[in-house]
Amino acid sequence: GTAHPLLLWHLYQHYGDKRLLEENYEAVSRWLALLQSRAPDGILDNGISDHESLVPKPRALTGTGFYYLNVKLFAQIARALGNESEAVDAEALAAKIKTAFNRRFLQPGTGRYDTATQACQAFALYLGLVPPEEQDRALGVLVQDIQGPSQGHLNTGIFGTKFMLHALADGGRPDVAFGIVNQRTFPGWGHMLENGATTLWEHWEFSDNTFSHNHPMFGSVSEWFYRVLAGINAAPDAVGFDKLVIRPQPVGDLNWVKASYDSVRGKVISEWNRQAGQFTLRVRVPVGASATVFLPARARASVTEGGKPIEGAAGAKLLRRESGTAVLAVDSGDYEFKAVFD
């Protein structure tokens, strides 16, 4: 059911057609009312949970997580249409769901959610349900499960897999996600490849007569290539891909990435390589768009564009420095940024 409001919002962000929001607003409102009627205490124990998980599925946790996501999506859609009072009401409901979620599932002071599986932790982290004081602990529980009992592997289903890859990147541990993606043994995409797969399987294990071997299940890794490795993202407030965030995350022994996306405004390019301690990032921002670019750079390292200091660059300026990155404001155009990184 989440597919409806989620798709509406992504289409608006990427293509900017408000008519779809207008035409479907009543349907989304009714959907939200249905969810609310099934969760009077803020907890929604319903749904398919983390489908195809390899460990027991936490249905109440995942159901409530999706309930929260739907309410947040409705708030965004309402605000985009100028329905401010309904957006405010939805945000208040989301806050109540978040409180109920943490009261029910969080073990305070530990960062552990419910049974603390990878999916439990990933849902809480990715959906923004973890209180600030528990963030590091919740991420630590996730990483410990991956690197400890799971020996560098995932055990998640279709939703937990997507949420986990991005939660690790958002939490500053893309290296852990990179390790998962590169596993060649069961379970994982490498295991599929090692067993002759040319398309994605529906199930982590090979099946001779039950599950499909050409199925979009677990395809979120492709999104991770674009959004994390290449770093191409629509900004949270993008309308018709007018605002971009380009934030590549170099990991492991990966020395280069080349990616492009044909947006409604034109081709977006993010290509990077690192060599001899220097990080080079080539970016194209299409006409009618602007970007915030996060360039991996050592603290106080000089940043250049087209071989010249960033201070004199046309269309790009240094906004600030964060841990391990130089943050740049970039107008439409083609750029080549360089900085000392390793």
C-alpha atoms as a PDB file:
ATOM      1  CA  GLY A   1       0.000   0.000   0.000  1.00  0.00           C
ATOM      2  CA  THR A   2       2.907   2.366   0.639  1.00  0.00           C
ATOM      3  CA  ALA A   3       3.738   2.154  -3.055  1.00  0.00           C
ATOM      4  CA  HIS A   4       0.977   4.645  -3.896  1.00  0.00           C
ATOM      5  CA  PRO A   5       2.036   7.698  -1.813  1.00  0.00           C
ATOM      6  CA  LEU A   6       5.715   6.799  -2.162  1.00  0.00           C
ATOM      7  CA  LEU A   7       5.520   6.721  -5.954  1.00  0.00           C
ATOM      8  CA  LEU A   8       3.510   9.952  -6.034  1.00  0.00           C
ATOM      9  CA  TRP A   9       6.163  11.752  -4.027  1.00  0.00           C
ATOM     10  CA  HIS A  10       9.092  10.403  -6.034  1.00  0.00           C
ATOM     11  CA  LEU A  11       7.402  11.329  -9.308  1.00  0.00           C
ATOM     12  CA  TYR A  12       6.870  14.853  -7.997  1.00  0.00           C
ATOM     13  CA  GLN A  13      10.505  15.117  -6.880  1.00  0.00           C
ATOM     14  CA  HIS A  14      11.864  13.761 -10.156  1.00  0.00           C
ATOM     15  CA  TYR A  15       9.396  15.137 -12.718  1.00  0.00           C
ATOM     16  CA  GLY A  16       7.622  18.022 -10.974  1.00  0.00           C
ATOM     17  CA  ASP A  17       4.067  17.274 -12.147  1.00  0.00           C
ATOM     18  CA  LYS A  18       1.795  18.458  -9.339  1.00  0.00           C
ATOM     19  CA  ARG A  19      -1.328  17.140 -11.088  1.00  0.00           C
ATOM     20  CA  LEU A  20      -0.661  13.613  -9.891  1.00  0.00           C
ATOM     21  CA  LEU A  21      -0.628  14.840  -6.285  1.00  0.00           C
ATOM     22  CA  GLU A  22      -3.864  16.749  -6.812  1.00  0.00           C
ATOM     23  CA  GLU A  23      -5.659  13.872  -8.538  1.00  0.00           C
ATOM     24  CA  ASN A  24      -4.616  11.300  -5.929  1.00  0.00           C
ATOM     25  CA  TYR A  25      -4.786  13.396  -2.766  1.00  0.00           C
ATOM     26  CA  GLU A  26      -8.191  12.097  -1.671  1.00  0.00           C
ATOM     27  CA  ALA A  27      -7.121   8.487  -2.197  1.00  0.00           C
ATOM     28  CA  VAL A  28      -3.993   8.982  -0.092  1.00  0.00           C
ATOM     29  CA  SER A  29      -6.089  10.661   2.596  1.00  0.00           C
ATOM     30  CA  ARG A  30      -8.479   7.696   2.711  1.00  0.00           C
ATOM     31  CA  TRP A  31      -5.545   5.272   2.849  1.00  0.00           C
ATOM     32  CA  LEU A  32      -4.143   7.152   5.822  1.00  0.00           C
ATOM     33  CA  ALA A  33      -7.512   7.054   7.574  1.00  0.00           C
ATOM     34  CA  LEU A  34      -7.610   3.273   7.088  1.00  0.00           C
ATOM     35  CA  LEU A  35      -4.156   2.841   8.628  1.00  0.00           C
ATOM     36  CA  GLN A  36      -5.081   5.087  11.527  1.00  0.00           C
ATOM     37  CA  SER A  37      -8.236   3.067  12.208  1.00  0.00           C
ATOM     38  CA  ARG A  38      -6.128  -0.092  12.552  1.00  0.00           C
ATOM     39  CA  ALA A  39      -3.591   1.490  14.918  1.00  0.00           C
ATOM     40  CA  PRO A  40      -5.447   3.320  17.696  1.00  0.00           C
ATOM     41  CA  ASP A  41      -2.427   3.135  19.994  1.00  0.00           C
ATOM     42  CA  GLY A  42       0.047   4.112  17.264  1.00  0.00           C
ATOM     43  CA  ILE A  43       1.221   0.533  16.662  1.00  0.00           C
ATOM     44  CA  LEU A  44       0.231  -1.158  13.390  1.00  0.00           C
ATOM     45  CA  ASP A  45       0.725  -4.924  13.602  1.00  0.00           C
ATOM     46  CA  ASN A  46       0.015  -5.698   9.963  1.00  0.00           C
ATOM     47  CA  GLY A  47       1.635  -6.291   6.573  1.00  0.00           C
ATOM     48  CA  ILE A  48       4.096  -8.720   5.004  1.00  0.00           C
ATOM     49  CA  SER A  49       6.930  -7.426   7.211  1.00  0.00           C
ATOM     50  CA  ASP A  50      10.462  -7.886   5.873  1.00  0.00           C
ATOM     51  CA  HIS A  51       9.461 -10.284   3.098  1.00  0.00           C
ATOM     52  CA  GLU A  52      11.989 -13.046   2.378  1.00  0.00           C
ATOM     53  CA  SER A  53      13.980 -12.307   5.522  1.00  0.00           C
ATOM     54  CA  LEU A  54      16.261 -15.134   6.614  1.00  0.00           C
ATOM     55  CA  VAL A  55      15.471 -14.561  10.286  1.00  0.00           C
ATOM     56  CA  PRO A  56      12.118 -14.161  12.095  1.00  0.00           C
ATOM     57  CA  LYS A  57      10.217 -11.102  10.864  1.00  0.00           C
ATOM     58  CA  PRO A  58       9.192  -8.362  13.338  1.00  0.00           C
ATOM     59  CA  ARG A  59       5.727  -7.624  11.902  1.00  0.00           C
ATOM     60  CA  ALA A  60       4.571  -5.071  14.465  1.00  0.00           C
ATOM     61  CA  LEU A  61       7.822  -3.124  14.183  1.00  0.00           C
ATOM     62  CA  THR A  62       7.857  -3.077  10.392  1.00  0.00           C
ATOM     63  CA  GLY A  63       4.127  -2.380  10.161  1.00  0.00           C
ATOM     64  CA  THR A  64       4.488   0.596  12.486  1.00  0.00           C
ATOM     65  CA  GLY A  65       7.540   1.790  10.585  1.00  0.00           C
ATOM     66  CA  PHE A  66       5.579   1.793   7.340  1.00  0.00           C
ATOM     67  CA  TYR A  67       2.660   3.512   9.089  1.00  0.00           C
ATOM     68  CA  TYR A  68       5.039   6.300  10.124  1.00  0.00           C
ATOM     69  CA  LEU A  69       6.463   6.542   6.602  1.00  0.00           C
ATOM     70  CA  ASN A  70       2.983   6.863   5.085  1.00  0.00           C
ATOM     71  CA  VAL A  71       2.028   9.645   7.473  1.00  0.00           C
ATOM     72  CA  LYS A  72       5.254  11.537   6.711  1.00  0.00           C
ATOM     73  CA  LEU A  73       4.630  11.155   2.981  1.00  0.00           C
ATOM     74  CA  PHE A  74       1.097  12.483   3.355  1.00  0.00           C
ATOM     75  CA  ALA A  75       2.430  15.509   5.254  1.00  0.00           C
ATOM     76  CA  GLN A  76       4.841  16.257   2.412  1.00  0.00           C
ATOM     77  CA  ILE A  77       2.144  15.869  -0.239  1.00  0.00           C
ATOM     78  CA  ALA A  78      -0.295  18.043   1.707  1.00  0.00           C
ATOM     79  CA  ARG A  79       2.301  20.798   2.118  1.00  0.00           C
ATOM     80  CA  ALA A  80       3.228  20.668  -1.575  1.00  0.00           C
ATOM     81  CA  LEU A  81      -0.453  21.294  -2.385  1.00  0.00           C
ATOM     82  CA  GLY A  82      -0.756  24.139   0.109  1.00  0.00           C
ATOM     83  CA  ASN A  83      -2.892  22.153   2.561  1.00  0.00           C
ATOM     84  CA  GLU A  84      -0.919  23.400   5.537  1.00  0.00           C
ATOM     85  CA  SER A  85      -3.386  22.505   8.287  1.00  0.00           C
ATOM     86  CA  GLU A  86      -3.564  18.892   7.128  1.00  0.00           C
ATOM     87  CA  ALA A  87       0.231  18.765   6.856  1.00  0.00           C
ATOM     88  CA  VAL A  88       0.547  20.010  10.445  1.00  0.00           C
ATOM     89  CA  ASP A  89      -1.993  17.435  11.657  1.00  0.00           C
ATOM     90  CA  ALA A  90      -0.103  14.649   9.862  1.00  0.00           C
ATOM     91  CA  GLU A  91       3.203  15.750  11.384  1.00  0.00           C
ATOM     92  CA  ALA A  92       1.615  15.675  14.839  1.00  0.00           C
ATOM     93  CA  LEU A  93       0.339  12.154  14.164  1.00  0.00           C
ATOM     94  CA  ALA A  94       3.813  11.104  12.976  1.00  0.00           C
ATOM     95  CA  ALA A  95       5.294  12.393  16.235  1.00  0.00           C
ATOM     96  CA  LYS A  96       2.808  10.287  18.219  1.00  0.00           C
ATOM     97  CA  ILE A  97       3.647   7.203  16.159  1.00  0.00           C
ATOM     98  CA  LYS A  98       7.360   7.782  16.759  1.00  0.00           C
ATOM     99  CA  THR A  99       6.762   8.011  20.511  1.00  0.00           C
ATOM    100  CA  ALA A 100       4.675   4.818  20.477  1.00  0.00           C
ATOM    101  CA  PHE A 101       7.295   3.047  18.346  1.00  0.00           C
ATOM    102  CA  ASN A 102      10.102   3.812  20.782  1.00  0.00           C
ATOM    103  CA  ARG A 103       7.966   3.049  23.829  1.00  0.00           C
ATOM    104  CA  ARG A 104       7.089  -0.349  22.404  1.00  0.00           C
ATOM    105  CA  PHE A 105      10.281  -1.476  20.679  1.00  0.00           C
ATOM    106  CA  LEU A 106      13.338   0.383  22.024  1.00  0.00           C
ATOM    107  CA  GLN A 107      15.334  -0.985  24.924  1.00  0.00           C
ATOM    108  CA  PRO A 108      16.486   2.383  26.339  1.00  0.00           C
ATOM    109  CA  GLY A 109      20.203   2.906  26.698  1.00  0.00           C
ATOM    110  CA  THR A 110      21.092  -0.012  24.432  1.00  0.00           C
ATOM    111  CA  GLY A 111      20.046   1.128  20.954  1.00  0.00           C
ATOM    112  CA  ARG A 112      18.362  -2.264  20.485  1.00  0.00           C
ATOM    113  CA  TYR A 113      14.970  -2.435  18.791  1.00  0.00           C
ATOM    114  CA  ASP A 114      12.683  -5.410  19.426  1.00  0.00           C
ATOM    115  CA  THR A 115      14.762  -8.531  18.695  1.00  0.00           C
ATOM    116  CA  ALA A 116      17.596  -6.353  17.323  1.00  0.00           C
ATOM    117  CA  THR A 117      17.819  -8.136  13.987  1.00  0.00           C
ATOM    118  CA  GLN A 118      19.396  -6.309  11.078  1.00  0.00           C
ATOM    119  CA  ALA A 119      15.911  -5.437   9.824  1.00  0.00           C
ATOM    120  CA  CYS A 120      14.793  -4.122  13.224  1.00  0.00           C
ATOM    121  CA  GLN A 121      17.765  -1.794  13.445  1.00  0.00           C
ATOM    122  CA  ALA A 122      17.609  -0.777   9.775  1.00  0.00           C
ATOM    123  CA  PHE A 123      13.915   0.132   9.874  1.00  0.00           C
ATOM    124  CA  ALA A 124      14.388   2.313  12.939  1.00  0.00           C
ATOM    125  CA  LEU A 125      17.495   4.050  11.584  1.00  0.00           C
ATOM    126  CA  TYR A 126      16.476   4.572   7.955  1.00  0.00           C
ATOM    127  CA  LEU A 127      12.985   5.827   8.734  1.00  0.00           C
ATOM    128  CA  GLY A 128      14.270   8.396  11.231  1.00  0.00           C
ATOM    129  CA  LEU A 129      12.642   6.806  14.275  1.00  0.00           C
ATOM    130  CA  VAL A 130      15.733   6.625  16.506  1.00  0.00           C
ATOM    131  CA  PRO A 131      16.131   9.378  19.142  1.00  0.00           C
ATOM    132  CA  PRO A 132      19.391  11.343  18.775  1.00  0.00           C
ATOM    133  CA  GLU A 133      20.862   9.961  21.989  1.00  0.00           C
ATOM    134  CA  GLU A 134      20.392   6.377  20.745  1.00  0.00           C
ATOM    135  CA  GLN A 135      21.693   6.858  17.180  1.00  0.00           C
ATOM    136  CA  ASP A 136      25.260   5.670  17.706  1.00  0.00           C
ATOM    137  CA  ARG A 137      24.176   2.731  19.807  1.00  0.00           C
ATOM    138  CA  ALA A 138      21.494   1.652  17.318  1.00  0.00           C
ATOM    139  CA  LEU A 139      23.979   1.791  14.460  1.00  0.00           C
ATOM    140  CA  GLY A 140      26.530  -0.083  16.551  1.00  0.00           C
ATOM    141  CA  VAL A 141      24.052  -2.904  17.205  1.00  0.00           C
ATOM    142  CA  LEU A 142      23.452  -3.208  13.455  1.00  0.00           C
ATOM    143  CA  VAL A 143      27.148  -3.241  12.582  1.00  0.00           C
ATOM    144  CA  GLN A 144      27.915  -5.749  15.330  1.00  0.00           C
ATOM    145  CA  ASP A 145      25.302  -8.173  14.022  1.00  0.00           C
ATOM    146  CA  ILE A 146      26.642  -7.907  10.470  1.00  0.00           C
ATOM    147  CA  GLN A 147      30.287  -8.282  11.395  1.00  0.00           C
ATOM    148  CA  GLY A 148      29.752 -10.749  14.244  1.00  0.00           C
ATOM    149  CA  PRO A 149      27.099 -13.474  14.010  1.00  0.00           C
ATOM    150  CA  SER A 150      26.428 -12.834  10.315  1.00  0.00           C
ATOM    151  CA  GLN A 151      30.139 -12.844   9.384  1.00  0.00           C
ATOM    152  CA  GLY A 152      29.833  -9.861   7.075  1.00  0.00           C
ATOM    153  CA  HIS A 153      26.580 -10.995   5.461  1.00  0.00           C
ATOM    154  CA  LEU A 154      23.026  -9.708   5.443  1.00  0.00           C
ATOM    155  CA  ASN A 155      20.002 -11.658   6.644  1.00  0.00           C
ATOM    156  CA  THR A 156      17.375  -9.128   5.601  1.00  0.00           C
ATOM    157  CA  GLY A 157      14.410  -9.315   3.233  1.00  0.00           C
ATOM    158  CA  ILE A 158      13.395  -6.881   0.502  1.00  0.00           C
ATOM    159  CA  PHE A 159      12.677  -3.876   2.726  1.00  0.00           C
ATOM    160  CA  GLY A 160      15.342  -4.432   5.350  1.00  0.00           C
ATOM    161  CA  THR A 161      17.984  -4.824   2.639  1.00  0.00           C
ATOM    162  CA  LYS A 162      17.237  -1.436   1.080  1.00  0.00           C
ATOM    163  CA  PHE A 163      16.907   0.295   4.435  1.00  0.00           C
ATOM    164  CA  MET A 164      20.098  -1.268   5.796  1.00  0.00           C
ATOM    165  CA  LEU A 165      22.321  -0.289   2.859  1.00  0.00           C
ATOM    166  CA  HIS A 166      21.229   3.335   3.186  1.00  0.00           C
ATOM    167  CA  ALA A 167      21.224   3.392   6.990  1.00  0.00           C
ATOM    168  CA  LEU A 168      24.861   2.291   6.965  1.00  0.00           C
ATOM    169  CA  ALA A 169      25.762   5.013   4.455  1.00  0.00           C
ATOM    170  CA  ASP A 170      23.822   7.669   6.369  1.00  0.00           C
ATOM    171  CA  GLY A 171      25.544   6.588   9.578  1.00  0.00           C
ATOM    172  CA  GLY A 172      29.037   6.891   8.132  1.00  0.00           C
ATOM    173  CA  ARG A 173      29.608   3.161   7.627  1.00  0.00           C
ATOM    174  CA  PRO A 174      29.404   2.667   3.853  1.00  0.00           C
ATOM    175  CA  ASP A 175      32.383   0.348   4.276  1.00  0.00           C
ATOM    176  CA  VAL A 176      30.162  -2.189   6.022  1.00  0.00           C
ATOM    177  CA  ALA A 177      27.593  -2.036   3.209  1.00  0.00           C
ATOM    178  CA  PHE A 178      30.409  -2.402   0.664  1.00  0.00           C
ATOM    179  CA  GLY A 179      31.543  -5.534   2.461  1.00  0.00           C
ATOM    180  CA  ILE A 180      28.040  -7.005   2.299  1.00  0.00           C
ATOM    181  CA  VAL A 181      27.687  -6.274  -1.407  1.00  0.00           C
ATOM    182  CA  ASN A 182      31.031  -7.915  -2.161  1.00  0.00           C
ATOM    183  CA  GLN A 183      30.314 -11.201  -0.377  1.00  0.00           C
ATOM    184  CA  ARG A 184      30.554 -14.187  -2.695  1.00  0.00           C
ATOM    185  CA  THR A 185      29.044 -16.712  -0.305  1.00  0.00           C
ATOM    186  CA  PHE A 186      25.456 -17.196   0.833  1.00  0.00           C
ATOM    187  CA  PRO A 187      23.487 -15.026   1.283  1.00  0.00           C
ATOM    188  CA  GLY A 188      24.018 -12.132  -1.118  1.00  0.00           C
ATOM    189  CA  TRP A 189      24.194 -10.991  -4.706  1.00  0.00           C
ATOM    190  CA  GLY A 190      27.659 -12.475  -5.135  1.00  0.00           C
ATOM    191  CA  HIS A 191      26.267 -15.862  -4.174  1.00  0.00           C
ATOM    192  CA  MET A 192      23.725 -15.501  -7.003  1.00  0.00           C
ATOM    193  CA  LEU A 193      26.515 -14.617  -9.449  1.00  0.00           C
ATOM    194  CA  GLU A 194      28.674 -17.510  -8.275  1.00  0.00           C
ATOM    195  CA  ASN A 195      25.758 -19.816  -9.033  1.00  0.00           C
ATOM    196  CA  GLY A 196      25.263 -18.631 -12.598  1.00  0.00           C
ATOM    197  CA  ALA A 197      22.667 -15.901 -12.082  1.00  0.00           C
ATOM    198  CA  THR A 198      22.314 -13.372 -14.906  1.00  0.00           C
ATOM    199  CA  THR A 199      19.220 -11.762 -13.356  1.00  0.00           C
ATOM    200  CA  LEU A 200      18.150 -11.178  -9.762  1.00  0.00           C
ATOM    201  CA  TRP A 201      16.495 -14.013  -7.873  1.00  0.00           C
ATOM    202  CA  GLU A 202      13.296 -13.697  -5.858  1.00  0.00           C
ATOM    203  CA  HIS A 203      14.868 -15.583  -2.957  1.00  0.00           C
ATOM    204  CA  TRP A 204      18.397 -15.508  -1.518  1.00  0.00           C
ATOM    205  CA  GLU A 205      18.665 -19.284  -2.030  1.00  0.00           C
ATOM    206  CA  PHE A 206      18.544 -21.028  -5.392  1.00  0.00           C
ATOM    207  CA  SER A 207      15.185 -22.649  -6.105  1.00  0.00           C
ATOM    208  CA  ASP A 208      14.534 -25.303  -8.713  1.00  0.00           C
ATOM    209  CA  ASN A 209      10.740 -25.035  -8.825  1.00  0.00           C
ATOM    210  CA  THR A 210       9.290 -22.383  -6.497  1.00  0.00           C
ATOM    211  CA  PHE A 211      10.898 -18.955  -6.748  1.00  0.00           C
ATOM    212  CA  SER A 212      11.567 -16.822  -9.810  1.00  0.00           C
ATOM    213  CA  HIS A 213      15.105 -16.292 -11.081  1.00  0.00           C
ATOM    214  CA  ASN A 214      14.196 -13.103 -12.935  1.00  0.00           C
ATOM    215  CA  HIS A 215      12.551 -10.839 -10.396  1.00  0.00           C
ATOM    216  CA  PRO A 216      13.037  -7.259  -9.111  1.00  0.00           C
ATOM    217  CA  MET A 217      13.407  -8.586  -5.574  1.00  0.00           C
ATOM    218  CA  PHE A 218      16.569  -7.272  -3.905  1.00  0.00           C
ATOM    219  CA  GLY A 219      17.189  -4.771  -6.709  1.00  0.00           C
ATOM    220  CA  SER A 220      17.795  -2.011  -4.166  1.00  0.00           C
ATOM    221  CA  VAL A 221      21.519  -2.653  -4.540  1.00  0.00           C
ATOM    222  CA  SER A 222      21.305  -0.928  -7.939  1.00  0.00           C
ATOM    223  CA  GLU A 223      19.860   2.156  -6.248  1.00  0.00           C
ATOM    224  CA  TRP A 224      22.751   1.987  -3.783  1.00  0.00           C
ATOM    225  CA  PHE A 225      25.244   2.106  -6.677  1.00  0.00           C
ATOM    226  CA  TYR A 226      23.750   5.380  -7.898  1.00  0.00           C
ATOM    227  CA  ARG A 227      22.806   7.067  -4.635  1.00  0.00           C
ATOM    228  CA  VAL A 228      25.759   6.067  -2.447  1.00  0.00           C
ATOM    229  CA  LEU A 229      28.745   5.028  -4.587  1.00  0.00           C
ATOM    230  CA  ALA A 230      28.126   7.671  -7.268  1.00  0.00           C
ATOM    231  CA  GLY A 231      26.234   9.901  -4.855  1.00  0.00           C
ATOM    232  CA  ILE A 232      23.481  11.124  -7.217  1.00  0.00           C
ATOM    233  CA  ASN A 233      20.376  12.143  -5.264  1.00  0.00           C
ATOM    234  CA  ALA A 234      17.417  14.463  -5.552  1.00  0.00           C
ATOM    235  CA  ALA A 235      17.528  16.950  -2.684  1.00  0.00           C
ATOM    236  CA  PRO A 236      14.778  16.432  -0.070  1.00  0.00           C
ATOM    237  CA  ASP A 237      12.980  19.561  -1.316  1.00  0.00           C
ATOM    238  CA  ALA A 238      13.547  18.908  -5.029  1.00  0.00           C
ATOM    239  CA  VAL A 239      10.705  19.514  -7.465  1.00  0.00           C
ATOM    240  CA  GLY A 240      11.315  18.147 -10.945  1.00  0.00           C
ATOM    241  CA  PHE A 241      14.940  17.368 -10.045  1.00  0.00           C
ATOM    242  CA  ASP A 242      15.769  21.067  -9.724  1.00  0.00           C
ATOM    243  CA  LYS A 243      17.937  20.543  -6.650  1.00  0.00           C
ATOM    244  CA  LEU A 244      20.546  17.804  -6.446  1.00  0.00           C
ATOM    245  CA  VAL A 245      22.780  16.400  -3.767  1.00  0.00           C
ATOM    246  CA  ILE A 246      25.911  14.753  -5.146  1.00  0.00           C
ATOM    247  CA  ARG A 247      27.666  12.920  -2.347  1.00  0.00           C
ATOM    248  CA  PRO A 248      29.911  10.068  -3.504  1.00  0.00           C
ATOM    249  CA  GLN A 249      31.182   7.740  -0.804  1.00  0.00           C
ATOM    250  CA  PRO A 250      34.496   6.078  -1.682  1.00  0.00           C
ATOM    251  CA  VAL A 251      34.851   2.733   0.072  1.00  0.00           C
ATOM    252  CA  GLY A 252      37.198  -0.226   0.328  1.00  0.00           C
ATOM    253  CA  ASP A 253      39.524  -0.808  -2.603  1.00  0.00           C
ATOM    254  CA  LEU A 254      37.152   0.850  -5.064  1.00  0.00           C
ATOM    255  CA  ASN A 255      39.196   3.381  -7.046  1.00  0.00           C
ATOM    256  CA  TRP A 256      36.653   4.717  -9.543  1.00  0.00           C
ATOM    257  CA  VAL A 257      32.950   5.084 -10.255  1.00  0.00           C
ATOM    258  CA  LYS A 258      31.200   6.397 -13.371  1.00  0.00           C
ATOM    259  CA  ALA A 259      27.460   7.036 -13.310  1.00  0.00           C
ATOM    260  CA  SER A 260      24.890   9.172 -15.068  1.00  0.00           C
ATOM    261  CA  TYR A 261      21.167   9.768 -14.761  1.00  0.00           C
ATOM    262  CA  ASP A 262      18.945  11.157 -17.522  1.00  0.00           C
ATOM    263  CA  SER A 263      16.814  13.525 -15.456  1.00  0.00           C
ATOM    264  CA  VAL A 264      13.856  15.513 -16.730  1.00  0.00           C
ATOM    265  CA  ARG A 265      16.224  18.519 -16.937  1.00  0.00           C
ATOM    266  CA  GLY A 266      19.037  16.695 -18.704  1.00  0.00           C
ATOM    267  CA  LYS A 267      21.893  14.327 -17.958  1.00  0.00           C
ATOM    268  CA  VAL A 268      23.392  14.321 -14.471  1.00  0.00           C
ATOM    269  CA  ILE A 269      26.931  12.951 -14.241  1.00  0.00           C
ATOM    270  CA  SER A 270      28.997  11.890 -11.262  1.00  0.00           C
ATOM    271  CA  GLU A 271      32.348  10.278 -12.033  1.00  0.00           C
ATOM    272  CA  TRP A 272      35.194   9.950  -9.587  1.00  0.00           C
ATOM    273  CA  ASN A 273      38.569   8.337  -9.156  1.00  0.00           C
ATOM    274  CA  ARG A 274      41.249   8.366  -6.537  1.00  0.00           C
ATOM    275  CA  GLN A 275      44.913   8.017  -7.295  1.00  0.00           C
ATOM    276  CA  ALA A 276      48.084   8.817  -5.380  1.00  0.00           C
ATOM    277  CA  GLY A 277      46.131  10.350  -2.523  1.00  0.00           C
ATOM    278  CA  GLN A 278      44.077  12.671  -4.722  1.00  0.00           C
ATOM    279  CA  PHE A 279      40.320  12.527  -5.249  1.00  0.00           C
ATOM    280  CA  THR A 280      38.961  13.761  -8.599  1.00  0.00           C
ATOM    281  CA  LEU A 281      35.233  14.284  -9.066  1.00  0.00           C
ATOM    282  CA  ARG A 282      33.692  15.162 -12.418  1.00  0.00           C
ATOM    283  CA  VAL A 283      30.168  16.542 -12.154  1.00  0.00           C
ATOM    284  CA  ARG A 284      27.534  17.661 -14.629  1.00  0.00           C
ATOM    285  CA  VAL A 285      24.546  19.633 -13.341  1.00  0.00           C
ATOM    286  CA  PRO A 286      21.876  20.169 -16.031  1.00  0.00           C
ATOM    287  CA  VAL A 287      20.443  23.548 -16.993  1.00  0.00           C
ATOM    288  CA  GLY A 288      17.714  24.640 -14.597  1.00  0.00           C
ATOM    289  CA  ALA A 289      19.188  22.726 -11.676  1.00  0.00           C
ATOM    290  CA  SER A 290      21.677  23.380  -8.901  1.00  0.00           C
ATOM    291  CA  ALA A 291      23.567  21.014  -6.651  1.00  0.00           C
ATOM    292  CA  THR A 292      25.150  20.676  -3.263  1.00  0.00           C
ATOM    293  CA  VAL A 293      28.317  18.656  -3.816  1.00  0.00           C
ATOM    294  CA  PHE A 294      30.129  16.821  -1.035  1.00  0.00           C
ATOM    295  CA  LEU A 295      33.737  16.394  -2.177  1.00  0.00           C
ATOM    296  CA  PRO A 296      35.826  13.929  -0.145  1.00  0.00           C
ATOM    297  CA  ALA A 297      38.787  15.989   1.054  1.00  0.00           C
ATOM    298  CA  ARG A 298      41.304  15.961   3.857  1.00  0.00           C
ATOM    299  CA  ALA A 299      40.806  18.658   6.486  1.00  0.00           C
ATOM    300  CA  ARG A 300      42.101  22.026   5.220  1.00  0.00           C
ATOM    301  CA  ALA A 301      43.117  20.454   1.894  1.00  0.00           C
ATOM    302  CA  SER A 302      42.950  22.869  -1.021  1.00  0.00           C
ATOM    303  CA  VAL A 303      40.107  22.345  -3.478  1.00  0.00           C
ATOM    304  CA  THR A 304      40.443  23.085  -7.182  1.00  0.00           C
ATOM    305  CA  GLU A 305      37.998  23.265 -10.084  1.00  0.00           C
ATOM    306  CA  GLY A 306      39.405  22.901 -13.575  1.00  0.00           C
ATOM    307  CA  GLY A 307      42.906  23.066 -12.123  1.00  0.00           C
ATOM    308  CA  LYS A 308      42.354  26.444 -10.414  1.00  0.00           C
ATOM    309  CA  PRO A 309      41.574  27.295  -6.770  1.00  0.00           C
ATOM    310  CA  ILE A 310      37.886  26.940  -5.928  1.00  0.00           C
ATOM    311  CA  GLU A 311      37.806  30.547  -4.738  1.00  0.00           C
ATOM    312  CA  GLY A 312      37.990  31.746  -8.343  1.00  0.00           C
ATOM    313  CA  ALA A 313      35.691  29.155  -9.895  1.00  0.00           C
ATOM    314  CA  ALA A 314      32.699  30.276 -11.933  1.00  0.00           C
ATOM    315  CA  GLY A 315      29.473  28.612 -10.853  1.00  0.00           C
ATOM    316  CA  ALA A 316      30.912  26.872  -7.798  1.00  0.00           C
ATOM    317  CA  LYS A 317      31.855  28.011  -4.307  1.00  0.00           C
ATOM    318  CA  LEU A 318      33.008  26.429  -1.094  1.00  0.00           C
ATOM    319  CA  LEU A 319      30.234  26.581   1.522  1.00  0.00           C
ATOM    320  CA  ARG A 320      31.858  24.832   4.465  1.00  0.00           C
ATOM    321  CA  ARG A 321      33.948  21.877   5.545  1.00  0.00           C
ATOM    322  CA  GLU A 322      32.630  18.863   7.382  1.00  0.00           C
ATOM    323  CA  SER A 323      34.382  15.761   8.605  1.00  0.00           C
ATOM    324  CA  GLY A 324      36.255  14.441   5.581  1.00  0.00           C
ATOM    325  CA  THR A 325      34.402  16.548   3.020  1.00  0.00           C
ATOM    326  CA  ALA A 326      34.347  19.964   1.389  1.00  0.00           C
ATOM    327  CA  VAL A 327      30.752  21.087   0.774  1.00  0.00           C
ATOM    328  CA  LEU A 328      30.249  23.060  -2.437  1.00  0.00           C
ATOM    329  CA  ALA A 329      27.353  25.003  -3.948  1.00  0.00           C
ATOM    330  CA  VAL A 330      27.289  24.334  -7.694  1.00  0.00           C
ATOM    331  CA  ASP A 331      25.231  25.860 -10.503  1.00  0.00           C
ATOM    332  CA  SER A 332      24.433  24.139 -13.797  1.00  0.00           C
ATOM    333  CA  GLY A 333      27.464  23.194 -15.869  1.00  0.00           C
ATOM    334  CA  ASP A 334      30.386  20.763 -16.122  1.00  0.00           C
ATOM    335  CA  TYR A 335      33.037  20.718 -13.410  1.00  0.00           C
ATOM    336  CA  GLU A 336      36.131  18.825 -12.357  1.00  0.00           C
ATOM    337  CA  PHE A 337      36.915  19.118  -8.671  1.00  0.00           C
ATOM    338  CA  LYS A 338      40.098  17.829  -7.053  1.00  0.00           C
ATOM    339  CA  ALA A 339      41.346  17.593  -3.488  1.00  0.00           C
ATOM    340  CA  VAL A 340      43.824  15.605  -1.412  1.00  0.00           C
ATOM    341  CA  PHE A 341      41.839  12.840   0.205  1.00  0.00           C
ATOM    342  CA  ASP A 342      43.799   9.843   1.517  1.00  0.00           C
END
